[in-house]
Each structure stands twice: as structure tokens, then as C-alpha cells.
Amino acid sequence: MLLVTLFGCNSGPTGNETGTKAEETAVEAAVTCDPIVGEFRDLMADYESGLKSMIEAGEVDKARQEEWSAKAKDLNERIQARGERELGMKCWQEFNTISQAYAPRIAELGMKMAMIQMEKTGLDPAMMEQMKKAAGQ
């Protein structure tokens, strides 16, 4: 999975924050920004929602995951290439806020998806317990 590399521009907090009200407001404000930032926000929301649905169903759609990951990587690279100067400070900050809000959540969901895949392939129970502890479950 390419989850970690998608959000390489982040200089903000890392960890398992679920997002503050300020982050959520900034994420929603991106709709008034450059369309590419809005496209990135929409993709991240779809990515998170889709992973949650897969987890709830206990089924992994690897092709869909790879599609989201590839799109996220492409958008991230295109936004990075334009940079703050071309996007403007407001849009650049909103892009970074979106990344900071979604990166930890998508990474956590990605870990849960990996555990579902490993359970289905018959991973060693001791290894599974170690992974659950690492994921905070």
C-alpha cells in the first residue's frame, strides 16, 4: 500500500488524531479553493468511506484500494508540483489540512484492512496479536 507516501508533504502532527473542528472546517472550506484541492478532498473522503465500508463488510477490494491510492498519489504530486506560490497560501494550507486530517485515518483503516487480509490467509495467531497491539486494538 502507498498510504504513507501519499501524504509526504505534511509538516503537521502525526498520530491517530481524528481531526479537530478547525480541521474539519478547513477541509470543507476547500470547496471554495482551487478545483484540484476540492478534488483531492473529495477523493480522500471517498477513500476513507470506502475503506470503512470494506471493513464493515469484512471484504477487501484490492483493485479499488489500488485505484484510490494511485489517484491520491497523482493528485498529491500534481498539487505539490504547483506548490504554494501557484495555488496561493489559502489553498496550500487547505491542502495540507486535508492531508493532515485524512492521512492518519486512512492509515489506520489501511492497517485494519491488512489485518482482515491476513486473517483470511491464515496468519499465525501470535503474529496477529502483535499486529492488533500495534494497531491499538
C-alpha atoms as a PDB file:
ATOM      1  CA  MET A   1       0.000   0.000   0.000  1.00  0.00           C
ATOM      2  CA  LEU A   2       1.152   3.518  -0.726  1.00  0.00           C
ATOM      3  CA  LEU A   3      -0.627   5.213   2.160  1.00  0.00           C
ATOM      4  CA  VAL A   4       2.460   6.629   3.799  1.00  0.00           C
ATOM      5  CA  THR A   5       3.941   8.145   0.638  1.00  0.00           C
ATOM      6  CA  LEU A   6       0.723   9.893  -0.318  1.00  0.00           C
ATOM      7  CA  PHE A   7       0.989  12.479   2.373  1.00  0.00           C
ATOM      8  CA  GLY A   8       4.684  13.242   2.282  1.00  0.00           C
ATOM      9  CA  CYS A   9       4.170  16.999   2.350  1.00  0.00           C
ATOM     10  CA  ASN A  10       2.734  17.018   5.832  1.00  0.00           C
ATOM     11  CA  SER A  11       4.656  19.019   8.339  1.00  0.00           C
ATOM     12  CA  GLY A  12       1.903  18.903  10.939  1.00  0.00           C
ATOM     13  CA  PRO A  13       1.068  16.453  13.681  1.00  0.00           C
ATOM     14  CA  THR A  14       1.134  12.754  13.105  1.00  0.00           C
ATOM     15  CA  GLY A  15      -0.587  10.005  15.021  1.00  0.00           C
ATOM     16  CA  ASN A  16      -4.144   8.873  15.330  1.00  0.00           C
ATOM     17  CA  GLU A  17      -5.914  12.207  15.652  1.00  0.00           C
ATOM     18  CA  THR A  18      -9.438  12.048  14.337  1.00  0.00           C
ATOM     19  CA  GLY A  19      -9.411  15.708  13.393  1.00  0.00           C
ATOM     20  CA  THR A  20     -10.344  18.854  15.200  1.00  0.00           C
ATOM     21  CA  LYS A  21     -13.297  21.063  14.427  1.00  0.00           C
ATOM     22  CA  ALA A  22     -10.881  23.558  12.853  1.00  0.00           C
ATOM     23  CA  GLU A  23      -9.504  20.859  10.544  1.00  0.00           C
ATOM     24  CA  GLU A  24     -12.996  19.772   9.555  1.00  0.00           C
ATOM     25  CA  THR A  25     -13.974  23.369   8.823  1.00  0.00           C
ATOM     26  CA  ALA A  26     -10.851  23.869   6.709  1.00  0.00           C
ATOM     27  CA  VAL A  27     -11.487  20.613   4.872  1.00  0.00           C
ATOM     28  CA  GLU A  28     -14.990  21.756   3.986  1.00  0.00           C
ATOM     29  CA  ALA A  29     -13.728  25.231   3.012  1.00  0.00           C
ATOM     30  CA  ALA A  30     -11.595  23.673   0.275  1.00  0.00           C
ATOM     31  CA  VAL A  31     -14.664  23.644  -1.924  1.00  0.00           C
ATOM     32  CA  THR A  32     -14.104  27.393  -2.475  1.00  0.00           C
ATOM     33  CA  CYS A  33     -10.468  26.843  -3.321  1.00  0.00           C
ATOM     34  CA  ASP A  34      -8.733  25.710  -6.494  1.00  0.00           C
ATOM     35  CA  PRO A  35     -10.681  22.794  -8.006  1.00  0.00           C
ATOM     36  CA  ILE A  36      -7.716  20.416  -7.674  1.00  0.00           C
ATOM     37  CA  VAL A  37      -7.778  20.883  -3.879  1.00  0.00           C
ATOM     38  CA  GLY A  38     -11.514  20.149  -3.851  1.00  0.00           C
ATOM     39  CA  GLU A  39     -10.902  17.074  -6.000  1.00  0.00           C
ATOM     40  CA  PHE A  40      -8.263  15.893  -3.514  1.00  0.00           C
ATOM     41  CA  ARG A  41     -10.656  16.476  -0.592  1.00  0.00           C
ATOM     42  CA  ASP A  42     -13.441  14.540  -2.317  1.00  0.00           C
ATOM     43  CA  LEU A  43     -11.095  11.665  -3.122  1.00  0.00           C
ATOM     44  CA  MET A  44      -9.876  11.451   0.475  1.00  0.00           C
ATOM     45  CA  ALA A  45     -13.463  11.411   1.746  1.00  0.00           C
ATOM     46  CA  ASP A  46     -14.370   8.649  -0.735  1.00  0.00           C
ATOM     47  CA  TYR A  47     -11.205   6.724   0.165  1.00  0.00           C
ATOM     48  CA  GLU A  48     -11.978   6.845   3.885  1.00  0.00           C
ATOM     49  CA  SER A  49     -15.650   5.989   3.389  1.00  0.00           C
ATOM     50  CA  GLY A  50     -14.831   3.131   1.030  1.00  0.00           C
ATOM     51  CA  LEU A  51     -12.313   1.592   3.416  1.00  0.00           C
ATOM     52  CA  LYS A  52     -14.825   1.813   6.260  1.00  0.00           C
ATOM     53  CA  SER A  53     -17.415   0.043   4.104  1.00  0.00           C
ATOM     54  CA  MET A  54     -14.950  -2.721   3.224  1.00  0.00           C
ATOM     55  CA  ILE A  55     -14.069  -3.210   6.877  1.00  0.00           C
ATOM     56  CA  GLU A  56     -17.730  -3.360   7.893  1.00  0.00           C
ATOM     57  CA  ALA A  57     -18.389  -5.932   5.162  1.00  0.00           C
ATOM     58  CA  GLY A  58     -15.241  -7.868   6.050  1.00  0.00           C
ATOM     59  CA  GLU A  59     -14.310  -7.891   2.372  1.00  0.00           C
ATOM     60  CA  VAL A  60     -11.273  -6.385   0.701  1.00  0.00           C
ATOM     61  CA  ASP A  61     -11.490  -4.866  -2.781  1.00  0.00           C
ATOM     62  CA  LYS A  62      -7.808  -4.680  -3.579  1.00  0.00           C
ATOM     63  CA  ALA A  63      -8.374  -3.203  -7.049  1.00  0.00           C
ATOM     64  CA  ARG A  64     -10.449  -0.363  -5.594  1.00  0.00           C
ATOM     65  CA  GLN A  65      -7.835   0.295  -2.901  1.00  0.00           C
ATOM     66  CA  GLU A  66      -5.101   0.466  -5.528  1.00  0.00           C
ATOM     67  CA  GLU A  67      -7.226   2.818  -7.635  1.00  0.00           C
ATOM     68  CA  TRP A  68      -7.753   5.216  -4.712  1.00  0.00           C
ATOM     69  CA  SER A  69      -4.087   5.041  -3.813  1.00  0.00           C
ATOM     70  CA  ALA A  70      -2.958   5.765  -7.377  1.00  0.00           C
ATOM     71  CA  LYS A  71      -5.385   8.687  -7.723  1.00  0.00           C
ATOM     72  CA  ALA A  72      -4.313  10.112  -4.367  1.00  0.00           C
ATOM     73  CA  LYS A  73      -0.651   9.826  -5.316  1.00  0.00           C
ATOM     74  CA  ASP A  74      -1.294  11.516  -8.674  1.00  0.00           C
ATOM     75  CA  LEU A  75      -3.290  14.389  -7.165  1.00  0.00           C
ATOM     76  CA  ASN A  76      -0.742  14.831  -4.387  1.00  0.00           C
ATOM     77  CA  GLU A  77       2.096  15.039  -6.916  1.00  0.00           C
ATOM     78  CA  ARG A  78       0.173  17.493  -9.126  1.00  0.00           C
ATOM     79  CA  ILE A  79      -0.634  19.732  -6.160  1.00  0.00           C
ATOM     80  CA  GLN A  80       2.948  19.523  -4.879  1.00  0.00           C
ATOM     81  CA  ALA A  81       4.242  20.468  -8.342  1.00  0.00           C
ATOM     82  CA  ARG A  82       2.040  23.578  -8.371  1.00  0.00           C
ATOM     83  CA  GLY A  83       3.086  24.477  -4.850  1.00  0.00           C
ATOM     84  CA  GLU A  84       2.049  27.277  -2.551  1.00  0.00           C
ATOM     85  CA  ARG A  85       3.100  30.015  -4.949  1.00  0.00           C
ATOM     86  CA  GLU A  86       0.720  28.888  -7.727  1.00  0.00           C
ATOM     87  CA  LEU A  87      -2.135  27.695  -5.516  1.00  0.00           C
ATOM     88  CA  GLY A  88      -1.970  30.585  -3.096  1.00  0.00           C
ATOM     89  CA  MET A  89      -1.395  30.384   0.629  1.00  0.00           C
ATOM     90  CA  LYS A  90      -5.051  29.702   1.496  1.00  0.00           C
ATOM     91  CA  CYS A  91      -5.402  26.764  -0.906  1.00  0.00           C
ATOM     92  CA  TRP A  92      -1.992  25.390   0.050  1.00  0.00           C
ATOM     93  CA  GLN A  93      -2.941  25.475   3.734  1.00  0.00           C
ATOM     94  CA  GLU A  94      -6.249  23.793   2.985  1.00  0.00           C
ATOM     95  CA  PHE A  95      -4.455  21.054   1.032  1.00  0.00           C
ATOM     96  CA  ASN A  96      -2.135  20.466   3.979  1.00  0.00           C
ATOM     97  CA  THR A  97      -5.056  20.457   6.427  1.00  0.00           C
ATOM     98  CA  ILE A  98      -6.915  17.907   4.300  1.00  0.00           C
ATOM     99  CA  SER A  99      -3.796  15.728   4.209  1.00  0.00           C
ATOM    100  CA  GLN A 100      -3.300  16.018   7.962  1.00  0.00           C
ATOM    101  CA  ALA A 101      -6.944  15.237   8.651  1.00  0.00           C
ATOM    102  CA  TYR A 102      -7.217  12.191   6.411  1.00  0.00           C
ATOM    103  CA  ALA A 103      -3.718  10.655   6.465  1.00  0.00           C
ATOM    104  CA  PRO A 104      -3.904   9.162   9.983  1.00  0.00           C
ATOM    105  CA  ARG A 105      -7.457   7.925   9.495  1.00  0.00           C
ATOM    106  CA  ILE A 106      -6.723   6.292   6.138  1.00  0.00           C
ATOM    107  CA  ALA A 107      -3.521   4.765   7.505  1.00  0.00           C
ATOM    108  CA  GLU A 108      -5.432   3.287  10.457  1.00  0.00           C
ATOM    109  CA  LEU A 109      -8.124   1.900   8.160  1.00  0.00           C
ATOM    110  CA  GLY A 110      -5.408   0.522   5.882  1.00  0.00           C
ATOM    111  CA  MET A 111      -3.927  -1.341   8.849  1.00  0.00           C
ATOM    112  CA  LYS A 112      -7.330  -2.814   9.647  1.00  0.00           C
ATOM    113  CA  MET A 113      -7.709  -3.869   6.007  1.00  0.00           C
ATOM    114  CA  ALA A 114      -4.308  -5.563   6.119  1.00  0.00           C
ATOM    115  CA  MET A 115      -5.369  -7.466   9.241  1.00  0.00           C
ATOM    116  CA  ILE A 116      -8.558  -8.630   7.507  1.00  0.00           C
ATOM    117  CA  GLN A 117      -6.482  -9.875   4.577  1.00  0.00           C
ATOM    118  CA  MET A 118      -4.046 -11.648   6.881  1.00  0.00           C
ATOM    119  CA  GLU A 119      -6.839 -13.312   8.859  1.00  0.00           C
ATOM    120  CA  LYS A 120      -8.230 -14.704   5.625  1.00  0.00           C
ATOM    121  CA  THR A 121      -4.864 -16.113   4.637  1.00  0.00           C
ATOM    122  CA  GLY A 122      -4.373 -17.834   7.983  1.00  0.00           C
ATOM    123  CA  LEU A 123      -1.693 -15.695   9.574  1.00  0.00           C
ATOM    124  CA  ASP A 124      -0.005 -17.089  12.662  1.00  0.00           C
ATOM    125  CA  PRO A 125      -2.203 -16.188  15.700  1.00  0.00           C
ATOM    126  CA  ALA A 126       0.777 -14.854  17.681  1.00  0.00           C
ATOM    127  CA  MET A 127       1.707 -12.536  14.823  1.00  0.00           C
ATOM    128  CA  MET A 128      -1.899 -11.402  14.541  1.00  0.00           C
ATOM    129  CA  GLU A 129      -1.957 -10.483  18.238  1.00  0.00           C
ATOM    130  CA  GLN A 130       1.215  -8.439  17.813  1.00  0.00           C
ATOM    131  CA  MET A 131      -0.351  -6.572  14.897  1.00  0.00           C
ATOM    132  CA  LYS A 132      -3.522  -5.878  16.873  1.00  0.00           C
ATOM    133  CA  LYS A 133      -1.465  -4.483  19.737  1.00  0.00           C
ATOM    134  CA  ALA A 134       0.496  -2.305  17.327  1.00  0.00           C
ATOM    135  CA  ALA A 135      -2.789  -1.031  15.874  1.00  0.00           C
ATOM    136  CA  GLY A 136      -4.086  -0.228  19.348  1.00  0.00           C
ATOM    137  CA  GLN A 137      -6.857  -2.814  19.391  1.00  0.00           C
END
